[in-house]
Amino acid sequence: MMSKESFSINGEHLLKKVKELIEEGNIRKITIADKAGKEIMSFPLTVGVVGVLLAPVFAAVGALAAMIGECTITVEREDKNANEEP
């Protein structure tokens, strides 16, 4: 089961927040939208994606952060109990 959560954030804090979210480990997808709600960037995260594989994502987010003011990050999380048997 998936849940969604959104954060409003200033562009200068965007890369730091994305890195924090990825470190949490239960993120399946991150979408970044401008303050008008238009989707600018979206990327899925699969289990086991780490380090060097995320470098291009971080580079793109860093470039975006330099150009954007306020934005919204929407995070799709996998619920921790989704894989457990009832």
N, C-alpha and C. Protein backbone atom coordinates (compact mmCIF):
# COMPACT_ATOMS: atom_id res chain seq x y z
N MET A 1 0.84 -1.17 0.00
CA MET A 1 0.00 0.00 0.00
C MET A 1 0.88 1.24 0.00
N MET A 2 0.49 2.25 -0.73
CA MET A 2 1.26 3.48 -0.85
C MET A 2 0.55 4.62 -0.13
N SER A 3 1.36 5.55 0.38
CA SER A 3 0.82 6.78 0.94
C SER A 3 1.57 7.94 0.33
N LYS A 4 0.92 9.09 0.24
CA LYS A 4 1.53 10.28 -0.33
C LYS A 4 1.66 11.36 0.73
N GLU A 5 2.73 12.14 0.59
CA GLU A 5 3.00 13.23 1.51
C GLU A 5 3.61 14.36 0.69
N SER A 6 3.25 15.60 0.98
CA SER A 6 3.78 16.74 0.23
C SER A 6 4.44 17.73 1.18
N PHE A 7 5.51 18.38 0.66
CA PHE A 7 6.24 19.39 1.41
C PHE A 7 6.41 20.61 0.53
N SER A 8 6.16 21.80 1.08
CA SER A 8 6.51 23.04 0.38
C SER A 8 7.89 23.42 0.85
N ILE A 9 8.76 23.78 -0.08
CA ILE A 9 10.14 24.03 0.27
C ILE A 9 10.73 25.08 -0.66
N ASN A 10 11.71 25.80 -0.16
CA ASN A 10 12.43 26.78 -0.98
C ASN A 10 13.48 26.05 -1.78
N GLY A 11 13.75 26.50 -2.99
CA GLY A 11 14.69 25.84 -3.89
C GLY A 11 16.06 25.60 -3.28
N GLU A 12 16.53 26.52 -2.44
CA GLU A 12 17.87 26.36 -1.87
C GLU A 12 17.97 25.18 -0.90
N HIS A 13 16.85 24.69 -0.41
CA HIS A 13 16.83 23.54 0.50
C HIS A 13 16.38 22.27 -0.19
N LEU A 14 16.10 22.35 -1.46
CA LEU A 14 15.53 21.23 -2.22
C LEU A 14 16.43 19.99 -2.22
N LEU A 15 17.69 20.15 -2.58
CA LEU A 15 18.59 19.00 -2.68
C LEU A 15 18.77 18.32 -1.33
N LYS A 16 18.92 19.11 -0.28
CA LYS A 16 19.09 18.54 1.07
C LYS A 16 17.86 17.71 1.46
N LYS A 17 16.67 18.24 1.18
CA LYS A 17 15.44 17.53 1.54
C LYS A 17 15.30 16.24 0.74
N VAL A 18 15.62 16.27 -0.56
CA VAL A 18 15.53 15.06 -1.39
C VAL A 18 16.48 13.99 -0.85
N LYS A 19 17.70 14.39 -0.50
CA LYS A 19 18.66 13.43 0.06
C LYS A 19 18.16 12.83 1.37
N GLU A 20 17.58 13.67 2.23
CA GLU A 20 17.02 13.18 3.50
C GLU A 20 15.92 12.15 3.26
N LEU A 21 15.04 12.45 2.32
CA LEU A 21 13.93 11.55 2.02
C LEU A 21 14.44 10.21 1.49
N ILE A 22 15.42 10.25 0.61
CA ILE A 22 15.96 9.01 0.05
C ILE A 22 16.62 8.17 1.14
N GLU A 23 17.29 8.81 2.09
CA GLU A 23 17.94 8.08 3.18
C GLU A 23 16.94 7.35 4.06
N GLU A 24 15.69 7.81 4.10
CA GLU A 24 14.67 7.14 4.91
C GLU A 24 14.41 5.72 4.41
N GLY A 25 14.56 5.51 3.11
CA GLY A 25 14.53 4.17 2.56
C GLY A 25 13.19 3.61 2.12
N ASN A 26 12.08 4.17 2.52
CA ASN A 26 10.78 3.60 2.12
C ASN A 26 10.09 4.44 1.04
N ILE A 27 10.87 5.26 0.33
CA ILE A 27 10.34 6.13 -0.71
C ILE A 27 10.31 5.37 -2.04
N ARG A 28 9.20 5.45 -2.75
CA ARG A 28 9.06 4.79 -4.05
C ARG A 28 9.14 5.78 -5.20
N LYS A 29 8.69 7.03 -4.98
CA LYS A 29 8.70 8.02 -6.06
C LYS A 29 8.73 9.41 -5.45
N ILE A 30 9.50 10.30 -6.09
CA ILE A 30 9.55 11.70 -5.68
C ILE A 30 9.17 12.55 -6.89
N THR A 31 8.24 13.48 -6.68
CA THR A 31 7.81 14.40 -7.72
C THR A 31 8.04 15.82 -7.23
N ILE A 32 8.62 16.66 -8.08
CA ILE A 32 8.86 18.06 -7.74
C ILE A 32 8.01 18.91 -8.66
N ALA A 33 7.23 19.82 -8.06
CA ALA A 33 6.35 20.70 -8.83
C ALA A 33 6.64 22.15 -8.47
N ASP A 34 6.39 23.06 -9.42
CA ASP A 34 6.58 24.48 -9.12
C ASP A 34 5.42 24.98 -8.26
N LYS A 35 5.49 26.25 -7.85
CA LYS A 35 4.47 26.76 -6.93
C LYS A 35 3.08 26.83 -7.55
N ALA A 36 3.00 26.75 -8.88
CA ALA A 36 1.70 26.71 -9.56
C ALA A 36 1.15 25.29 -9.65
N GLY A 37 1.95 24.30 -9.22
CA GLY A 37 1.50 22.91 -9.25
C GLY A 37 1.92 22.14 -10.49
N LYS A 38 2.66 22.77 -11.39
CA LYS A 38 3.11 22.10 -12.61
C LYS A 38 4.30 21.19 -12.28
N GLU A 39 4.17 19.91 -12.68
CA GLU A 39 5.24 18.95 -12.42
C GLU A 39 6.48 19.32 -13.23
N ILE A 40 7.61 19.42 -12.54
CA ILE A 40 8.88 19.77 -13.17
C ILE A 40 9.76 18.54 -13.34
N MET A 41 9.76 17.70 -12.31
CA MET A 41 10.64 16.53 -12.31
C MET A 41 9.98 15.43 -11.49
N SER A 42 10.14 14.21 -11.94
CA SER A 42 9.61 13.06 -11.22
C SER A 42 10.56 11.90 -11.44
N PHE A 43 10.89 11.19 -10.38
CA PHE A 43 11.75 10.03 -10.53
C PHE A 43 11.38 8.94 -9.55
N PRO A 44 11.33 7.70 -10.05
CA PRO A 44 11.04 6.56 -9.19
C PRO A 44 12.30 6.12 -8.46
N LEU A 45 12.13 5.56 -7.30
CA LEU A 45 13.24 4.98 -6.54
C LEU A 45 12.92 3.53 -6.29
N THR A 46 13.82 2.66 -6.68
CA THR A 46 13.62 1.24 -6.46
C THR A 46 14.50 0.78 -5.31
N VAL A 47 14.15 -0.34 -4.73
CA VAL A 47 14.93 -0.89 -3.63
C VAL A 47 16.34 -1.18 -4.14
N GLY A 48 17.33 -0.77 -3.37
CA GLY A 48 18.71 -1.05 -3.73
C GLY A 48 19.39 0.04 -4.54
N VAL A 49 18.67 1.12 -4.89
CA VAL A 49 19.30 2.22 -5.61
C VAL A 49 20.08 3.05 -4.60
N VAL A 50 21.41 3.07 -4.77
CA VAL A 50 22.26 3.80 -3.83
C VAL A 50 23.39 4.50 -4.55
N GLY A 51 24.08 5.34 -3.79
CA GLY A 51 25.34 5.95 -4.18
C GLY A 51 25.44 6.45 -5.59
N VAL A 52 26.31 5.81 -6.36
CA VAL A 52 26.66 6.28 -7.70
C VAL A 52 25.45 6.32 -8.63
N LEU A 53 24.47 5.46 -8.42
CA LEU A 53 23.27 5.46 -9.27
C LEU A 53 22.41 6.70 -9.04
N LEU A 54 22.53 7.31 -7.86
CA LEU A 54 21.75 8.50 -7.55
C LEU A 54 22.46 9.79 -7.95
N ALA A 55 23.73 9.73 -8.31
CA ALA A 55 24.49 10.93 -8.65
C ALA A 55 23.82 11.76 -9.75
N PRO A 56 23.35 11.15 -10.85
CA PRO A 56 22.68 11.97 -11.88
C PRO A 56 21.38 12.62 -11.37
N VAL A 57 20.67 11.93 -10.49
CA VAL A 57 19.45 12.49 -9.91
C VAL A 57 19.80 13.70 -9.06
N PHE A 58 20.83 13.57 -8.21
CA PHE A 58 21.24 14.68 -7.37
C PHE A 58 21.72 15.86 -8.20
N ALA A 59 22.44 15.59 -9.29
CA ALA A 59 22.92 16.66 -10.17
C ALA A 59 21.73 17.41 -10.79
N ALA A 60 20.72 16.68 -11.24
CA ALA A 60 19.54 17.30 -11.84
C ALA A 60 18.75 18.10 -10.81
N VAL A 61 18.60 17.56 -9.61
CA VAL A 61 17.88 18.26 -8.55
C VAL A 61 18.65 19.52 -8.15
N GLY A 62 19.98 19.42 -8.08
CA GLY A 62 20.80 20.58 -7.73
C GLY A 62 20.67 21.69 -8.77
N ALA A 63 20.66 21.32 -10.05
CA ALA A 63 20.49 22.31 -11.11
C ALA A 63 19.11 22.95 -11.04
N LEU A 64 18.10 22.14 -10.79
CA LEU A 64 16.74 22.65 -10.65
C LEU A 64 16.64 23.61 -9.47
N ALA A 65 17.25 23.25 -8.36
CA ALA A 65 17.20 24.06 -7.15
C ALA A 65 17.79 25.45 -7.39
N ALA A 66 18.80 25.53 -8.25
CA ALA A 66 19.42 26.81 -8.56
C ALA A 66 18.50 27.72 -9.37
N MET A 67 17.54 27.14 -10.08
CA MET A 67 16.67 27.92 -10.96
C MET A 67 15.28 28.18 -10.39
N ILE A 68 14.90 27.47 -9.36
CA ILE A 68 13.51 27.54 -8.89
C ILE A 68 13.45 28.22 -7.52
N GLY A 69 12.36 28.88 -7.28
CA GLY A 69 12.14 29.48 -5.97
C GLY A 69 11.43 28.47 -5.08
N GLU A 70 10.19 28.75 -4.81
CA GLU A 70 9.39 27.86 -3.97
C GLU A 70 8.87 26.70 -4.81
N CYS A 71 8.86 25.51 -4.22
CA CYS A 71 8.34 24.34 -4.93
C CYS A 71 7.70 23.38 -3.94
N THR A 72 7.09 22.35 -4.48
CA THR A 72 6.46 21.31 -3.66
C THR A 72 7.05 19.97 -4.03
N ILE A 73 7.42 19.20 -3.01
CA ILE A 73 7.89 17.83 -3.22
C ILE A 73 6.77 16.91 -2.78
N THR A 74 6.37 16.00 -3.65
CA THR A 74 5.38 14.98 -3.29
C THR A 74 6.11 13.64 -3.26
N VAL A 75 5.92 12.94 -2.16
CA VAL A 75 6.63 11.69 -1.93
C VAL A 75 5.62 10.55 -1.85
N GLU A 76 5.85 9.49 -2.61
CA GLU A 76 5.05 8.27 -2.48
C GLU A 76 5.85 7.29 -1.65
N ARG A 77 5.28 6.89 -0.53
CA ARG A 77 5.96 5.96 0.37
C ARG A 77 5.29 4.60 0.34
N GLU A 78 6.09 3.59 0.51
CA GLU A 78 5.54 2.25 0.68
C GLU A 78 5.29 2.08 2.17
N ASP A 79 4.06 1.74 2.51
CA ASP A 79 3.74 1.53 3.92
C ASP A 79 4.56 0.36 4.45
N LYS A 80 5.08 0.53 5.66
CA LYS A 80 5.96 -0.48 6.24
C LYS A 80 5.29 -1.84 6.44
N ASN A 81 3.99 -1.85 6.64
CA ASN A 81 3.27 -3.09 6.91
C ASN A 81 2.71 -3.74 5.64
N ALA A 82 3.00 -3.15 4.47
CA ALA A 82 2.41 -3.64 3.23
C ALA A 82 2.85 -5.05 2.87
N ASN A 83 4.06 -5.44 3.25
CA ASN A 83 4.57 -6.76 2.88
C ASN A 83 4.32 -7.84 3.93
N GLU A 84 3.74 -7.45 5.03
CA GLU A 84 3.48 -8.42 6.09
C GLU A 84 2.19 -9.17 5.85
N GLU A 85 2.18 -10.42 6.22
CA GLU A 85 0.96 -11.24 6.12
C GLU A 85 0.04 -10.86 7.27
N PRO A 86 -1.27 -10.87 7.04
CA PRO A 86 -2.22 -10.54 8.13
C PRO A 86 -2.25 -11.58 9.21
